[in-house]
Structure formats: structure tokens, C-alpha cells
């Protein structure tokens, strides 16, 4: 399995390629591309499928990494729930939302005077672009893990034939 550093490097080198692909498919809105790139970078550094271990993404949370301890306790590493494209991301995003719900409630009531739902609705396409960026980084992570596992199996089977 590739190291966290390898995953990060691979994702960051893939970002310009993915942005070029999005532009070639007609996604030319700078707002969309910036929010996508922001989600992509956030997903690379903070919301990887490897949050079920003491990984670089887990350490990147700093003092806030305590919120991921229950997640790590429940999720087995490389399970169907963590290393599945889309499903794993949905679980992590819902988990993160639930963990930050008290903060979001206080933000909405005390600072934004109840305007948070309206802000979310108004910026739904941009938030969707950020979520798409997170999904893309996770897909690249899982693809890299799968390719590396297949490569190891292929070379292991060649060695055992000798």
C-alpha cells in the first residue's frame, strides 16, 4: 500500500490534469474550478480514506484529530465502508457534519442570525463542486491502493513460480 506521502504527491500532481479535463468537458466557471480545487486539496490533506488509521491525514487535523478517534475505533482499515468510492466519502462527510453540528448550530444562531441554511442553499453548486473534489481525491486514493495491491500480487506470483 502506498504511503501517505505517496498518496499526497500523486493527488497534487493529478490536480492540474483533472482541472484540464474539467475545462475540456466545459466546466469553465472559475468559481466551480476554485471550489473543486479547494475540495480536492482538503480531501487530499484532511479527508482521505486512511482516517481509519493513524495516518498523515489524521495527524493533519492537529488538536482536532480527537474527533476522528470514534471513527477509527469503529471502521476497520481498508474496509468496504472506508475504501469504496462515494460511499466512504459520504460516510466521512456525514461523520464530520455530525461532529461539527454543535459548532454549526452556535454559528447559525449566535453569529449568522439563522442565515446559515439560506447561505448553504445559495452556494449549493459551489459546495457541490467542493464535494466533487473530495470524491475525486478519494477515488484517486482508492485507485492507487488497488493498483499497488495488484502489482504486489503480480510480482509475488511470479516469484513463487520460480
Protein backbone atom coordinates (compact mmCIF):
# COMPACT_ATOMS: atom_id res chain seq x y z
CA UNK A 1 0.00 0.00 0.00
CA UNK A 2 1.44 3.42 -0.90
CA UNK A 3 2.48 5.71 1.92
CA UNK A 4 0.53 8.82 2.86
CA UNK A 5 3.25 10.92 1.28
CA UNK A 6 2.89 8.99 -1.99
CA UNK A 7 -0.89 9.49 -1.97
CA UNK A 8 -0.47 13.22 -1.32
CA UNK A 9 2.13 13.63 -4.06
CA UNK A 10 0.05 11.61 -6.54
CA UNK A 11 -3.08 13.65 -5.81
CA UNK A 12 -1.32 17.00 -6.05
CA UNK A 13 0.32 16.02 -9.34
CA UNK A 14 -3.08 14.85 -10.61
CA UNK A 15 -4.87 18.11 -9.76
CA UNK A 16 -3.73 20.06 -12.86
CA UNK A 17 -4.64 17.10 -15.07
CA UNK A 18 -8.09 16.84 -13.50
CA UNK A 19 -8.64 20.61 -13.83
CA UNK A 20 -7.65 20.43 -17.52
CA UNK A 21 -10.08 17.53 -18.02
CA UNK A 22 -12.88 19.51 -16.36
CA UNK A 23 -12.16 22.51 -18.60
CA UNK A 24 -12.09 20.28 -21.68
CA UNK A 25 -15.54 18.96 -20.71
CA UNK A 26 -16.91 22.50 -20.49
CA UNK A 27 -16.54 23.25 -16.78
CA UNK A 28 -15.06 26.71 -17.32
CA UNK A 29 -16.56 28.58 -14.36
CA UNK A 30 -13.71 29.91 -12.23
CA UNK A 31 -15.91 29.63 -9.13
CA UNK A 32 -16.59 25.96 -9.82
CA UNK A 33 -12.93 25.23 -10.56
CA UNK A 34 -11.70 27.04 -7.42
CA UNK A 35 -14.19 25.30 -5.14
CA UNK A 36 -13.40 21.97 -6.80
CA UNK A 37 -9.67 22.56 -6.26
CA UNK A 38 -10.33 23.59 -2.65
CA UNK A 39 -12.29 20.38 -2.03
CA UNK A 40 -9.58 18.42 -3.81
CA UNK A 41 -6.84 19.85 -1.57
CA UNK A 42 -8.99 19.45 1.57
CA UNK A 43 -9.70 15.85 0.60
CA UNK A 44 -6.01 15.20 -0.05
CA UNK A 45 -4.80 16.54 3.28
CA UNK A 46 -7.72 16.05 5.67
CA UNK A 47 -10.40 13.67 4.44
CA UNK A 48 -8.68 10.60 3.00
CA UNK A 49 -9.88 7.01 3.26
CA UNK A 50 -6.96 6.41 5.65
CA UNK A 51 -8.56 8.33 8.52
CA UNK A 52 -9.31 4.88 9.95
CA UNK A 53 -5.60 4.66 10.94
CA UNK A 54 -3.03 6.97 12.49
CA UNK A 55 -2.17 8.42 9.10
CA UNK A 56 -0.77 11.70 7.87
CA UNK A 57 -4.34 12.93 7.26
CA UNK A 58 -5.23 12.03 10.85
CA UNK A 59 -2.18 13.95 12.12
CA UNK A 60 -3.00 16.94 9.88
CA UNK A 61 -6.07 17.60 12.00
CA UNK A 62 -3.76 18.63 14.85
CA UNK A 63 -5.64 19.00 18.15
CA UNK A 64 -8.95 18.41 16.34
CA UNK A 65 -7.90 14.87 15.44
CA UNK A 66 -9.65 13.74 18.62
CA UNK A 67 -12.91 13.89 16.66
CA UNK A 68 -11.68 11.02 14.48
CA UNK A 69 -10.99 8.58 17.36
CA UNK A 70 -14.53 7.12 17.42
CA UNK A 71 -14.39 6.77 13.63
CA UNK A 72 -11.07 4.90 13.88
CA UNK A 73 -12.45 2.66 16.61
CA UNK A 74 -15.46 1.61 14.52
CA UNK A 75 -14.01 1.44 10.99
CA UNK A 76 -11.61 -1.39 10.12
CA UNK A 77 -8.78 -0.31 7.84
CA UNK A 78 -9.42 -0.68 4.10
CA UNK A 79 -12.93 -1.93 4.74
CA UNK A 80 -15.83 -1.60 2.33
CA UNK A 81 -17.08 1.36 4.38
CA UNK A 82 -13.85 3.37 4.13
CA UNK A 83 -12.29 2.39 0.81
CA UNK A 84 -15.29 2.49 -1.51
CA UNK A 85 -15.64 5.34 -3.97
CA UNK A 86 -18.51 7.66 -2.98
CA UNK A 87 -19.79 5.52 -0.06
CA UNK A 88 -16.65 6.08 2.02
CA UNK A 89 -16.75 9.82 1.31
CA UNK A 90 -20.42 10.11 2.18
CA UNK A 91 -19.77 8.35 5.49
CA UNK A 92 -16.78 10.61 6.29
CA UNK A 93 -18.64 13.80 5.31
CA UNK A 94 -21.71 12.82 7.35
CA UNK A 95 -19.49 11.93 10.29
CA UNK A 96 -17.68 15.27 10.03
CA UNK A 97 -21.02 17.10 9.77
CA UNK A 98 -22.33 15.38 12.91
CA UNK A 99 -19.12 16.14 14.81
CA UNK A 100 -19.30 19.84 13.87
CA UNK A 101 -23.08 20.13 14.32
CA UNK A 102 -22.83 21.87 17.73
CA UNK A 103 -20.40 24.42 16.27
CA UNK A 104 -22.62 24.94 13.21
CA UNK A 105 -25.65 25.44 15.46
CA UNK A 106 -23.84 28.10 17.50
CA UNK A 107 -22.54 29.74 14.33
CA UNK A 108 -26.03 29.82 12.85
CA UNK A 109 -27.81 31.11 15.97
CA UNK A 110 -25.25 33.44 17.52
CA UNK A 111 -23.33 34.87 14.56
CA UNK A 112 -25.43 34.44 11.42
CA UNK A 113 -28.87 35.01 13.00
CA UNK A 114 -30.33 31.90 11.37
CA UNK A 115 -28.98 32.64 7.88
CA UNK A 116 -26.82 29.50 7.51
CA UNK A 117 -29.44 27.37 5.68
CA UNK A 118 -30.00 30.22 3.21
CA UNK A 119 -26.25 30.58 2.63
CA UNK A 120 -25.95 26.85 2.00
CA UNK A 121 -28.85 26.94 -0.49
CA UNK A 122 -27.39 29.97 -2.26
CA UNK A 123 -23.99 28.33 -2.63
CA UNK A 124 -25.16 24.76 -3.28
CA UNK A 125 -23.43 24.47 -6.71
CA UNK A 126 -20.10 25.62 -5.25
CA UNK A 127 -20.42 23.33 -2.24
CA UNK A 128 -21.22 20.53 -4.69
CA UNK A 129 -18.02 21.33 -6.57
CA UNK A 130 -16.03 21.06 -3.32
CA UNK A 131 -17.68 17.72 -2.52
CA UNK A 132 -16.87 16.53 -6.04
CA UNK A 133 -13.23 17.49 -5.41
CA UNK A 134 -13.25 15.44 -2.20
CA UNK A 135 -14.80 12.46 -4.04
CA UNK A 136 -12.13 12.75 -6.76
CA UNK A 137 -9.23 12.64 -4.28
CA UNK A 138 -10.73 9.62 -2.59
CA UNK A 139 -11.20 7.87 -5.94
CA UNK A 140 -7.56 8.53 -6.84
CA UNK A 141 -6.50 7.21 -3.41
CA UNK A 142 -8.51 4.01 -3.82
CA UNK A 143 -7.33 3.51 -7.42
CA UNK A 144 -3.70 3.91 -6.33
CA UNK A 145 -4.21 1.43 -3.46
CA UNK A 146 -5.85 -1.08 -5.83
CA UNK A 147 -3.15 -0.77 -8.50
CA UNK A 148 -0.40 -1.15 -5.91
CA UNK A 149 -2.05 -4.24 -4.41
CA UNK A 150 -2.43 -5.83 -7.86
CA UNK A 151 1.20 -5.01 -8.68
CA UNK A 152 2.38 -6.68 -5.48
CA UNK A 153 0.26 -9.77 -6.14
CA UNK A 154 1.54 -10.00 -9.70
CA UNK A 155 5.20 -9.88 -8.63
CA UNK A 156 4.55 -12.22 -5.70
CA UNK A 157 3.02 -14.84 -8.00
CA UNK A 158 5.98 -14.58 -10.42
CA UNK A 159 8.43 -15.14 -7.56
CA UNK A 160 6.52 -18.17 -6.27
CA UNK A 161 6.66 -19.82 -9.73
CA UNK A 162 10.43 -19.87 -9.71
